[in-house]
Amino acid sequence: MGFATIEAVQEALAGEDYICGRGLATVVFLSLKLGRPLFLEGEAGTGKTEIAKAIAAALGRPLIRLQCYEGLDAASAVYEWNFAAQMIAIRAAEAQGGADRAALKTELFSSDYLIERPLLRAMRPDPAGAPVLLIDEIDRTDEPFEAFLLEALSDFQVTIPELGTIKAPEPPIVILTSNRTREVHDALKRRCLYHWVDYPDMARELEILRARVPGAADQLSRAIVAFVHELRGADLFKRPGVAETIDWAKCLLALDVIALSPEVIADTLGAILKYQDDIQRLEGSEAKRILDKIAADAPLPIG
């Protein structure tokens, strides 16, 4: 399972329009080769979720995503019983009369009434091979759920009281992500290979933009990347990630923009900044100052 070399990882992911450096490619290679979960941490919008999608596509494996949130518990992540269907079955049995209660109970808590959630689905065999299990934004959950994951990721099995223990015939490829809104417990991190996903440098971000928005003119793409990199150095509540760079380029392409200008930036700031205070900071003279700076650094299409 996996790729023959680190270079093969980079090539395969590039084929899925995911451009990564050697550091990330190395930890992906080792995670697949050793069968260890991969823990990716970094700012929002740096491509942590996309790497799981790209790995699944490159390997031809199904992707199963568990989106974490505050209050998520083991039952919600593993399974639940189809209560509505169970009630219908009970009423139908009562209407027929003379139902065998023991047989009915066995039927009600069979796989026919089981709703499988991501962790249980990841344990099931699949003709395409073990799935990629993405546990997204683990930092949004609490410590009890982390403790549950320790066991689930250690033995790759889950227990349903009514059905028993279900063990994965082949361990899934596990990728956990965190935006570091809180520290994840060391015990969970120790079971994983770790990588900090940082903002890419300008050359790599330009390469990413070319792959994801091929219709954008090269000079405009350079101007977009240069402007976003300047924004990341500003005192903002939320710095724009790579996802915002791509969104902004798509917006400018849809508007047939060929050059950046203060007016164009003001009209499209909502694509790269998500907080009103940050938008107000960039309106007017600040946007022009950044444009003048990047124009002085390199000949870019700025109008």
C-alpha atoms as a PDB file:
ATOM      1  CA  MET A   1       0.000   0.000   0.000  1.00  0.00           C
ATOM      2  CA  GLY A   2       1.375   3.372  -0.956  1.00  0.00           C
ATOM      3  CA  PHE A   3       4.098   4.682  -3.247  1.00  0.00           C
ATOM      4  CA  ALA A   4       7.525   3.358  -4.156  1.00  0.00           C
ATOM      5  CA  THR A   5       9.435   6.578  -3.468  1.00  0.00           C
ATOM      6  CA  ILE A   6       9.021  10.058  -2.044  1.00  0.00           C
ATOM      7  CA  GLU A   7       9.266  11.451  -5.560  1.00  0.00           C
ATOM      8  CA  ALA A   8       6.416   9.142  -6.586  1.00  0.00           C
ATOM      9  CA  VAL A   9       4.286  10.704  -3.839  1.00  0.00           C
ATOM     10  CA  GLN A  10       4.949  14.188  -5.203  1.00  0.00           C
ATOM     11  CA  GLU A  11       4.210  13.108  -8.766  1.00  0.00           C
ATOM     12  CA  ALA A  12       1.001  11.289  -7.836  1.00  0.00           C
ATOM     13  CA  LEU A  13      -0.318  14.191  -5.775  1.00  0.00           C
ATOM     14  CA  ALA A  14       0.651  16.680  -8.485  1.00  0.00           C
ATOM     15  CA  GLY A  15      -1.490  14.555 -10.800  1.00  0.00           C
ATOM     16  CA  GLU A  16      -4.391  15.405  -8.476  1.00  0.00           C
ATOM     17  CA  ASP A  17      -3.461  19.129  -8.570  1.00  0.00           C
ATOM     18  CA  TYR A  18      -1.951  19.018  -5.081  1.00  0.00           C
ATOM     19  CA  ILE A  19       1.530  20.545  -5.067  1.00  0.00           C
ATOM     20  CA  CYS A  20       3.559  19.651  -1.977  1.00  0.00           C
ATOM     21  CA  GLY A  21       7.147  20.009  -0.834  1.00  0.00           C
ATOM     22  CA  ARG A  22       9.520  17.180  -0.042  1.00  0.00           C
ATOM     23  CA  GLY A  23       8.907  17.439   3.719  1.00  0.00           C
ATOM     24  CA  LEU A  24       5.183  16.742   3.411  1.00  0.00           C
ATOM     25  CA  ALA A  25       5.749  14.108   0.722  1.00  0.00           C
ATOM     26  CA  THR A  26       8.231  12.332   3.008  1.00  0.00           C
ATOM     27  CA  VAL A  27       5.849  12.114   5.953  1.00  0.00           C
ATOM     28  CA  VAL A  28       3.043  10.888   3.650  1.00  0.00           C
ATOM     29  CA  PHE A  29       5.378   8.223   2.250  1.00  0.00           C
ATOM     30  CA  LEU A  30       6.369   7.059   5.731  1.00  0.00           C
ATOM     31  CA  SER A  31       2.807   7.096   7.012  1.00  0.00           C
ATOM     32  CA  LEU A  32       1.697   4.795   4.207  1.00  0.00           C
ATOM     33  CA  LYS A  33       4.748   2.560   4.401  1.00  0.00           C
ATOM     34  CA  LEU A  34       4.617   2.116   8.187  1.00  0.00           C
ATOM     35  CA  GLY A  35       0.838   2.091   8.492  1.00  0.00           C
ATOM     36  CA  ARG A  36       0.873   4.969  10.975  1.00  0.00           C
ATOM     37  CA  PRO A  37      -1.808   7.683  11.241  1.00  0.00           C
ATOM     38  CA  LEU A  38      -0.737  11.063   9.912  1.00  0.00           C
ATOM     39  CA  PHE A  39      -1.353  14.157  12.059  1.00  0.00           C
ATOM     40  CA  LEU A  40      -1.372  17.422  10.098  1.00  0.00           C
ATOM     41  CA  GLU A  41      -1.433  20.683  12.012  1.00  0.00           C
ATOM     42  CA  GLY A  42      -1.415  24.245  10.742  1.00  0.00           C
ATOM     43  CA  GLU A  43      -3.418  27.371  10.056  1.00  0.00           C
ATOM     44  CA  ALA A  44      -6.831  27.068   8.437  1.00  0.00           C
ATOM     45  CA  GLY A  45      -6.706  27.111   4.648  1.00  0.00           C
ATOM     46  CA  THR A  46      -3.209  25.662   4.215  1.00  0.00           C
ATOM     47  CA  GLY A  47      -4.383  22.497   2.442  1.00  0.00           C
ATOM     48  CA  LYS A  48      -4.583  19.935   5.258  1.00  0.00           C
ATOM     49  CA  THR A  49      -7.969  18.584   4.236  1.00  0.00           C
ATOM     50  CA  GLU A  50      -7.056  18.624   0.556  1.00  0.00           C
ATOM     51  CA  ILE A  51      -4.078  16.324   1.119  1.00  0.00           C
ATOM     52  CA  ALA A  52      -6.434  13.573   2.304  1.00  0.00           C
ATOM     53  CA  LYS A  53      -8.605  14.027  -0.776  1.00  0.00           C
ATOM     54  CA  ALA A  54      -5.561  13.941  -3.040  1.00  0.00           C
ATOM     55  CA  ILE A  55      -4.150  10.788  -1.410  1.00  0.00           C
ATOM     56  CA  ALA A  56      -7.491   9.002  -1.737  1.00  0.00           C
ATOM     57  CA  ALA A  57      -7.791   9.985  -5.402  1.00  0.00           C
ATOM     58  CA  ALA A  58      -4.167   9.077  -6.195  1.00  0.00           C
ATOM     59  CA  LEU A  59      -4.515   5.634  -4.594  1.00  0.00           C
ATOM     60  CA  GLY A  60      -8.006   5.025  -5.929  1.00  0.00           C
ATOM     61  CA  ARG A  61      -9.374   4.572  -2.401  1.00  0.00           C
ATOM     62  CA  PRO A  62     -12.688   5.793  -1.000  1.00  0.00           C
ATOM     63  CA  LEU A  63     -12.493   8.830   1.263  1.00  0.00           C
ATOM     64  CA  ILE A  64     -14.450   8.741   4.521  1.00  0.00           C
ATOM     65  CA  ARG A  65     -14.583  12.047   6.369  1.00  0.00           C
ATOM     66  CA  LEU A  66     -15.405  12.574  10.022  1.00  0.00           C
ATOM     67  CA  GLN A  67     -15.975  16.291  10.534  1.00  0.00           C
ATOM     68  CA  CYS A  68     -15.292  17.056  14.175  1.00  0.00           C
ATOM     69  CA  TYR A  69     -17.234  19.541  16.260  1.00  0.00           C
ATOM     70  CA  GLU A  70     -17.697  20.467  19.893  1.00  0.00           C
ATOM     71  CA  GLY A  71     -19.714  17.809  21.688  1.00  0.00           C
ATOM     72  CA  LEU A  72     -18.944  15.015  19.235  1.00  0.00           C
ATOM     73  CA  ASP A  73     -19.087  11.704  21.057  1.00  0.00           C
ATOM     74  CA  ALA A  74     -18.116   8.139  20.242  1.00  0.00           C
ATOM     75  CA  ALA A  75     -21.677   7.051  19.429  1.00  0.00           C
ATOM     76  CA  SER A  76     -22.153   9.851  16.883  1.00  0.00           C
ATOM     77  CA  ALA A  77     -18.827   9.030  15.245  1.00  0.00           C
ATOM     78  CA  VAL A  78     -19.361   5.251  15.130  1.00  0.00           C
ATOM     79  CA  TYR A  79     -23.024   4.348  14.744  1.00  0.00           C
ATOM     80  CA  GLU A  80     -26.603   4.910  15.752  1.00  0.00           C
ATOM     81  CA  TRP A  81     -29.768   2.861  15.540  1.00  0.00           C
ATOM     82  CA  ASN A  82     -32.501   3.791  13.086  1.00  0.00           C
ATOM     83  CA  PHE A  83     -35.047   4.619  15.754  1.00  0.00           C
ATOM     84  CA  ALA A  84     -37.840   5.539  13.325  1.00  0.00           C
ATOM     85  CA  ALA A  85     -37.526   2.239  11.441  1.00  0.00           C
ATOM     86  CA  GLN A  86     -37.401   0.323  14.714  1.00  0.00           C
ATOM     87  CA  MET A  87     -40.635   1.936  15.883  1.00  0.00           C
ATOM     88  CA  ILE A  88     -42.367   1.048  12.628  1.00  0.00           C
ATOM     89  CA  ALA A  89     -41.220  -2.568  13.018  1.00  0.00           C
ATOM     90  CA  ILE A  90     -42.516  -2.668  16.611  1.00  0.00           C
ATOM     91  CA  ARG A  91     -45.923  -1.320  15.610  1.00  0.00           C
ATOM     92  CA  ALA A  92     -46.151  -3.739  12.707  1.00  0.00           C
ATOM     93  CA  ALA A  93     -45.351  -6.641  15.041  1.00  0.00           C
ATOM     94  CA  GLU A  94     -47.947  -5.450  17.556  1.00  0.00           C
ATOM     95  CA  ALA A  95     -50.567  -5.161  14.822  1.00  0.00           C
ATOM     96  CA  GLN A  96     -49.920  -8.742  13.731  1.00  0.00           C
ATOM     97  CA  GLY A  97     -50.167  -9.949  17.361  1.00  0.00           C
ATOM     98  CA  GLY A  98     -48.358 -12.818  18.994  1.00  0.00           C
ATOM     99  CA  ALA A  99     -44.895 -11.423  18.211  1.00  0.00           C
ATOM    100  CA  ASP A 100     -41.947 -13.272  19.713  1.00  0.00           C
ATOM    101  CA  ARG A 101     -40.382 -10.577  21.880  1.00  0.00           C
ATOM    102  CA  ALA A 102     -36.945 -12.189  21.922  1.00  0.00           C
ATOM    103  CA  ALA A 103     -36.931 -12.615  18.150  1.00  0.00           C
ATOM    104  CA  LEU A 104     -38.188  -9.067  17.675  1.00  0.00           C
ATOM    105  CA  LYS A 105     -35.471  -7.660  19.905  1.00  0.00           C
ATOM    106  CA  THR A 106     -32.811  -9.576  17.964  1.00  0.00           C
ATOM    107  CA  GLU A 107     -34.220  -8.280  14.694  1.00  0.00           C
ATOM    108  CA  LEU A 108     -34.427  -4.675  15.886  1.00  0.00           C
ATOM    109  CA  PHE A 109     -30.773  -4.642  16.870  1.00  0.00           C
ATOM    110  CA  SER A 110     -29.455  -6.257  13.720  1.00  0.00           C
ATOM    111  CA  SER A 111     -27.432  -4.677  10.928  1.00  0.00           C
ATOM    112  CA  ASP A 112     -30.684  -3.955   9.046  1.00  0.00           C
ATOM    113  CA  TYR A 113     -31.417  -1.128  11.501  1.00  0.00           C
ATOM    114  CA  LEU A 114     -27.834   0.053  11.973  1.00  0.00           C
ATOM    115  CA  ILE A 115     -26.801   3.459  10.638  1.00  0.00           C
ATOM    116  CA  GLU A 116     -23.054   3.405  10.130  1.00  0.00           C
ATOM    117  CA  ARG A 117     -21.127   6.577  10.883  1.00  0.00           C
ATOM    118  CA  PRO A 118     -17.615   7.354   9.557  1.00  0.00           C
ATOM    119  CA  LEU A 119     -15.506   5.370  12.045  1.00  0.00           C
ATOM    120  CA  LEU A 120     -17.547   2.198  11.583  1.00  0.00           C
ATOM    121  CA  ARG A 121     -17.632   2.579   7.795  1.00  0.00           C
ATOM    122  CA  ALA A 122     -13.839   2.916   7.827  1.00  0.00           C
ATOM    123  CA  MET A 123     -13.598  -0.492   9.515  1.00  0.00           C
ATOM    124  CA  ARG A 124     -15.612  -2.248   6.813  1.00  0.00           C
ATOM    125  CA  PRO A 125     -13.908  -4.102   3.948  1.00  0.00           C
ATOM    126  CA  ASP A 126     -14.005  -2.356   0.577  1.00  0.00           C
ATOM    127  CA  PRO A 127     -13.268  -3.864  -2.867  1.00  0.00           C
ATOM    128  CA  ALA A 128     -11.070  -0.846  -3.667  1.00  0.00           C
ATOM    129  CA  GLY A 129      -8.948  -1.408  -0.565  1.00  0.00           C
ATOM    130  CA  ALA A 130      -8.733   0.203   2.844  1.00  0.00           C
ATOM    131  CA  PRO A 131     -10.312   3.665   2.745  1.00  0.00           C
ATOM    132  CA  VAL A 132      -8.708   6.966   3.643  1.00  0.00           C
ATOM    133  CA  LEU A 133     -10.237   8.060   6.955  1.00  0.00           C
ATOM    134  CA  LEU A 134     -10.045  11.828   7.382  1.00  0.00           C
ATOM    135  CA  ILE A 135     -10.654  12.978  10.970  1.00  0.00           C
ATOM    136  CA  ASP A 136     -10.957  16.669  10.230  1.00  0.00           C
ATOM    137  CA  GLU A 137     -10.341  19.427  12.805  1.00  0.00           C
ATOM    138  CA  ILE A 138      -9.779  17.130  15.778  1.00  0.00           C
ATOM    139  CA  ASP A 139      -9.013  20.210  17.889  1.00  0.00           C
ATOM    140  CA  ARG A 140     -12.737  21.062  17.874  1.00  0.00           C
ATOM    141  CA  THR A 141     -13.583  17.995  19.979  1.00  0.00           C
ATOM    142  CA  ASP A 142     -12.896  17.434  23.691  1.00  0.00           C
ATOM    143  CA  GLU A 143     -10.613  15.115  25.662  1.00  0.00           C
ATOM    144  CA  PRO A 144     -13.099  12.228  26.148  1.00  0.00           C
ATOM    145  CA  PHE A 145     -13.394  11.837  22.387  1.00  0.00           C
ATOM    146  CA  GLU A 146      -9.594  11.938  22.039  1.00  0.00           C
ATOM    147  CA  ALA A 147      -9.377   9.140  24.609  1.00  0.00           C
ATOM    148  CA  PHE A 148     -11.821   7.081  22.572  1.00  0.00           C
ATOM    149  CA  LEU A 149      -9.762   7.643  19.435  1.00  0.00           C
ATOM    150  CA  LEU A 150      -6.659   6.340  21.182  1.00  0.00           C
ATOM    151  CA  GLU A 151      -8.244   2.895  21.396  1.00  0.00           C
ATOM    152  CA  ALA A 152      -9.916   3.019  18.001  1.00  0.00           C
ATOM    153  CA  LEU A 153      -6.683   4.014  16.218  1.00  0.00           C
ATOM    154  CA  SER A 154      -4.568   1.597  18.228  1.00  0.00           C
ATOM    155  CA  ASP A 155      -6.579  -1.575  17.518  1.00  0.00           C
ATOM    156  CA  PHE A 156      -8.594  -0.375  14.508  1.00  0.00           C
ATOM    157  CA  GLN A 157     -11.740  -1.811  15.983  1.00  0.00           C
ATOM    158  CA  VAL A 158     -14.970  -0.532  17.504  1.00  0.00           C
ATOM    159  CA  THR A 159     -17.457  -2.205  19.802  1.00  0.00           C
ATOM    160  CA  ILE A 160     -21.224  -2.114  19.416  1.00  0.00           C
ATOM    161  CA  PRO A 161     -22.801  -3.575  22.569  1.00  0.00           C
ATOM    162  CA  GLU A 162     -25.661  -5.222  20.682  1.00  0.00           C
ATOM    163  CA  LEU A 163     -23.464  -6.675  17.912  1.00  0.00           C
ATOM    164  CA  GLY A 164     -20.013  -7.098  19.458  1.00  0.00           C
ATOM    165  CA  THR A 165     -16.588  -5.970  18.296  1.00  0.00           C
ATOM    166  CA  ILE A 166     -15.986  -5.073  14.661  1.00  0.00           C
ATOM    167  CA  LYS A 167     -12.342  -5.091  13.577  1.00  0.00           C
ATOM    168  CA  ALA A 168     -11.017  -3.724  10.320  1.00  0.00           C
ATOM    169  CA  PRO A 169      -9.696  -6.525   8.076  1.00  0.00           C
ATOM    170  CA  GLU A 170      -7.193  -3.967   6.766  1.00  0.00           C
ATOM    171  CA  PRO A 171      -6.425  -0.787   8.746  1.00  0.00           C
ATOM    172  CA  PRO A 172      -7.661   2.387   7.045  1.00  0.00           C
ATOM    173  CA  ILE A 173      -5.271   5.140   6.034  1.00  0.00           C
ATOM    174  CA  VAL A 174      -5.861   7.660   8.830  1.00  0.00           C
ATOM    175  CA  ILE A 175      -5.252  11.388   8.487  1.00  0.00           C
ATOM    176  CA  LEU A 176      -6.041  13.765  11.344  1.00  0.00           C
ATOM    177  CA  THR A 177      -6.029  17.534  10.940  1.00  0.00           C
ATOM    178  CA  SER A 178      -5.940  20.348  13.472  1.00  0.00           C
ATOM    179  CA  ASN A 179      -6.124  24.132  13.144  1.00  0.00           C
ATOM    180  CA  ARG A 180      -4.533  24.344  16.606  1.00  0.00           C
ATOM    181  CA  THR A 181      -7.405  26.171  18.244  1.00  0.00           C
ATOM    182  CA  ARG A 182      -6.335  24.109  21.266  1.00  0.00           C
ATOM    183  CA  GLU A 183      -3.536  21.662  22.004  1.00  0.00           C
ATOM    184  CA  VAL A 184      -4.298  18.032  21.202  1.00  0.00           C
ATOM    185  CA  HIS A 185      -3.164  15.563  23.874  1.00  0.00           C
ATOM    186  CA  ASP A 186       0.350  14.174  23.482  1.00  0.00           C
ATOM    187  CA  ALA A 187      -0.912  10.593  23.816  1.00  0.00           C
ATOM    188  CA  LEU A 188      -2.831  10.943  20.560  1.00  0.00           C
ATOM    189  CA  LYS A 189       0.022  12.686  18.767  1.00  0.00           C
ATOM    190  CA  ARG A 190       2.448   9.926  19.819  1.00  0.00           C
ATOM    191  CA  ARG A 191       0.459   7.403  17.820  1.00  0.00           C
ATOM    192  CA  CYS A 192       0.867   9.494  14.679  1.00  0.00           C
ATOM    193  CA  LEU A 193       3.528  10.853  12.386  1.00  0.00           C
ATOM    194  CA  TYR A 194       3.408  14.637  12.675  1.00  0.00           C
ATOM    195  CA  HIS A 195       3.799  17.426  10.146  1.00  0.00           C
ATOM    196  CA  TRP A 196       3.209  21.159  10.426  1.00  0.00           C
ATOM    197  CA  VAL A 197       1.560  22.416   7.229  1.00  0.00           C
ATOM    198  CA  ASP A 198       2.700  25.998   6.785  1.00  0.00           C
ATOM    199  CA  TYR A 199       1.790  28.601   4.205  1.00  0.00           C
ATOM    200  CA  PRO A 200       3.761  27.858   1.017  1.00  0.00           C
ATOM    201  CA  ASP A 201       6.431  30.198  -0.244  1.00  0.00           C
ATOM    202  CA  MET A 202       5.607  32.355  -3.241  1.00  0.00           C
ATOM    203  CA  ALA A 203       7.074  29.985  -5.822  1.00  0.00           C
ATOM    204  CA  ARG A 204       5.093  26.987  -4.553  1.00  0.00           C
ATOM    205  CA  GLU A 205       1.884  28.979  -4.129  1.00  0.00           C
ATOM    206  CA  LEU A 206       2.210  30.206  -7.695  1.00  0.00           C
ATOM    207  CA  GLU A 207       2.644  26.599  -8.794  1.00  0.00           C
ATOM    208  CA  ILE A 208      -0.478  25.637  -6.817  1.00  0.00           C
ATOM    209  CA  LEU A 209      -2.450  28.475  -8.384  1.00  0.00           C
ATOM    210  CA  ARG A 210      -1.384  27.445 -11.876  1.00  0.00           C
ATOM    211  CA  ALA A 211      -2.565  23.900 -11.185  1.00  0.00           C
ATOM    212  CA  ARG A 212      -5.900  24.853  -9.591  1.00  0.00           C
ATOM    213  CA  VAL A 213      -6.794  27.887 -11.727  1.00  0.00           C
ATOM    214  CA  PRO A 214      -5.124  27.207 -15.070  1.00  0.00           C
ATOM    215  CA  GLY A 215      -7.242  29.808 -16.850  1.00  0.00           C
ATOM    216  CA  ALA A 216      -5.654  32.725 -15.007  1.00  0.00           C
ATOM    217  CA  ALA A 217      -2.957  34.621 -16.899  1.00  0.00           C
ATOM    218  CA  ASP A 218       0.524  34.024 -15.527  1.00  0.00           C
ATOM    219  CA  GLN A 219       1.241  37.660 -14.700  1.00  0.00           C
ATOM    220  CA  LEU A 220      -2.095  38.092 -12.936  1.00  0.00           C
ATOM    221  CA  SER A 221      -1.425  34.918 -10.939  1.00  0.00           C
ATOM    222  CA  ARG A 222       1.922  36.356  -9.881  1.00  0.00           C
ATOM    223  CA  ALA A 223       0.239  39.574  -8.759  1.00  0.00           C
ATOM    224  CA  ILE A 224      -2.400  37.643  -6.799  1.00  0.00           C
ATOM    225  CA  VAL A 225       0.200  35.554  -4.989  1.00  0.00           C
ATOM    226  CA  ALA A 226       2.380  38.570  -4.226  1.00  0.00           C
ATOM    227  CA  PHE A 227      -0.585  40.511  -2.831  1.00  0.00           C
ATOM    228  CA  VAL A 228      -1.755  37.613  -0.645  1.00  0.00           C
ATOM    229  CA  HIS A 229       1.768  37.137   0.735  1.00  0.00           C
ATOM    230  CA  GLU A 230       1.853  40.796   1.712  1.00  0.00           C
ATOM    231  CA  LEU A 231      -1.509  40.361   3.446  1.00  0.00           C
ATOM    232  CA  ARG A 232      -0.155  37.486   5.511  1.00  0.00           C
ATOM    233  CA  GLY A 233       2.447  39.816   6.948  1.00  0.00           C
ATOM    234  CA  ALA A 234      -0.179  42.373   7.966  1.00  0.00           C
ATOM    235  CA  ASP A 235      -1.852  42.601  11.352  1.00  0.00           C
ATOM    236  CA  LEU A 236      -5.054  40.743  10.465  1.00  0.00           C
ATOM    237  CA  PHE A 237      -7.486  38.783  12.607  1.00  0.00           C
ATOM    238  CA  LYS A 238      -7.442  35.933  10.063  1.00  0.00           C
ATOM    239  CA  ARG A 239      -4.717  35.658   7.477  1.00  0.00           C
ATOM    240  CA  PRO A 240      -5.824  34.318   4.084  1.00  0.00           C
ATOM    241  CA  GLY A 241      -4.881  30.722   3.342  1.00  0.00           C
ATOM    242  CA  VAL A 242      -4.140  29.003   0.056  1.00  0.00           C
ATOM    243  CA  ALA A 243      -7.840  28.229  -0.289  1.00  0.00           C
ATOM    244  CA  GLU A 244      -8.579  31.971  -0.288  1.00  0.00           C
ATOM    245  CA  THR A 245      -5.856  32.595  -2.877  1.00  0.00           C
ATOM    246  CA  ILE A 246      -7.522  30.075  -5.179  1.00  0.00           C
ATOM    247  CA  ASP A 247     -11.004  31.477  -4.531  1.00  0.00           C
ATOM    248  CA  TRP A 248      -9.829  35.015  -5.255  1.00  0.00           C
ATOM    249  CA  ALA A 249      -8.190  33.980  -8.508  1.00  0.00           C
ATOM    250  CA  LYS A 250     -11.410  32.256  -9.605  1.00  0.00           C
ATOM    251  CA  CYS A 251     -13.417  35.384  -8.760  1.00  0.00           C
ATOM    252  CA  LEU A 252     -11.074  37.634 -10.727  1.00  0.00           C
ATOM    253  CA  LEU A 253     -11.184  35.204 -13.645  1.00  0.00           C
ATOM    254  CA  ALA A 254     -14.993  35.211 -13.575  1.00  0.00           C
ATOM    255  CA  LEU A 255     -14.931  39.035 -13.694  1.00  0.00           C
ATOM    256  CA  ASP A 256     -12.487  39.026 -16.641  1.00  0.00           C
ATOM    257  CA  VAL A 257      -9.988  41.009 -14.581  1.00  0.00           C
ATOM    258  CA  ILE A 258      -6.584  41.331 -16.218  1.00  0.00           C
ATOM    259  CA  ALA A 259      -4.875  43.608 -13.665  1.00  0.00           C
ATOM    260  CA  LEU A 260      -5.180  44.350  -9.957  1.00  0.00           C
ATOM    261  CA  SER A 261      -6.340  47.802  -8.901  1.00  0.00           C
ATOM    262  CA  PRO A 262      -7.629  49.287  -5.622  1.00  0.00           C
ATOM    263  CA  GLU A 263     -11.140  49.256  -7.102  1.00  0.00           C
ATOM    264  CA  VAL A 264     -10.975  45.582  -8.112  1.00  0.00           C
ATOM    265  CA  ILE A 265      -9.551  44.634  -4.718  1.00  0.00           C
ATOM    266  CA  ALA A 266     -12.275  46.550  -2.870  1.00  0.00           C
ATOM    267  CA  ASP A 267     -14.955  44.759  -4.898  1.00  0.00           C
ATOM    268  CA  THR A 268     -13.537  41.275  -4.233  1.00  0.00           C
ATOM    269  CA  LEU A 269     -12.094  41.466  -0.708  1.00  0.00           C
ATOM    270  CA  GLY A 270     -14.768  39.075   0.526  1.00  0.00           C
ATOM    271  CA  ALA A 271     -13.024  36.273  -1.368  1.00  0.00           C
ATOM    272  CA  ILE A 272      -9.806  36.571   0.636  1.00  0.00           C
ATOM    273  CA  LEU A 273     -10.809  38.154   3.958  1.00  0.00           C
ATOM    274  CA  LYS A 274     -13.626  36.823   6.144  1.00  0.00           C
ATOM    275  CA  TYR A 275     -13.821  39.427   8.921  1.00  0.00           C
ATOM    276  CA  GLN A 276     -15.205  42.940   8.556  1.00  0.00           C
ATOM    277  CA  ASP A 277     -12.416  44.517  10.613  1.00  0.00           C
ATOM    278  CA  ASP A 278      -9.827  43.017   8.246  1.00  0.00           C
ATOM    279  CA  ILE A 279     -11.783  44.194   5.200  1.00  0.00           C
ATOM    280  CA  GLN A 280     -12.024  47.751   6.559  1.00  0.00           C
ATOM    281  CA  ARG A 281      -8.283  47.774   7.189  1.00  0.00           C
ATOM    282  CA  LEU A 282      -7.587  46.934   3.530  1.00  0.00           C
ATOM    283  CA  GLU A 283     -10.047  49.322   1.955  1.00  0.00           C
ATOM    284  CA  GLY A 284      -8.662  52.465   0.412  1.00  0.00           C
ATOM    285  CA  SER A 285      -5.063  53.570   0.910  1.00  0.00           C
ATOM    286  CA  GLU A 286      -3.771  50.317   2.469  1.00  0.00           C
ATOM    287  CA  ALA A 287      -4.611  48.277  -0.628  1.00  0.00           C
ATOM    288  CA  LYS A 288      -2.921  50.892  -2.830  1.00  0.00           C
ATOM    289  CA  ARG A 289       0.153  50.859  -0.600  1.00  0.00           C
ATOM    290  CA  ILE A 290       0.488  47.080  -0.986  1.00  0.00           C
ATOM    291  CA  LEU A 291      -0.026  47.338  -4.749  1.00  0.00           C
ATOM    292  CA  ASP A 292       2.688  49.982  -4.995  1.00  0.00           C
ATOM    293  CA  LYS A 293       5.044  47.834  -2.954  1.00  0.00           C
ATOM    294  CA  ILE A 294       4.634  44.678  -5.018  1.00  0.00           C
ATOM    295  CA  ALA A 295       4.807  46.720  -8.236  1.00  0.00           C
ATOM    296  CA  ALA A 296       8.175  48.073  -7.081  1.00  0.00           C
ATOM    297  CA  ASP A 297       9.417  44.583  -6.299  1.00  0.00           C
ATOM    298  CA  ALA A 298       8.545  43.073  -9.692  1.00  0.00           C
ATOM    299  CA  PRO A 299       6.805  44.073 -12.928  1.00  0.00           C
ATOM    300  CA  LEU A 300       3.262  42.848 -12.327  1.00  0.00           C
ATOM    301  CA  PRO A 301      -0.080  43.603 -13.989  1.00  0.00           C
ATOM    302  CA  ILE A 302      -1.406  46.334 -11.738  1.00  0.00           C
ATOM    303  CA  GLY A 303      -3.777  48.945 -12.991  1.00  0.00           C
END
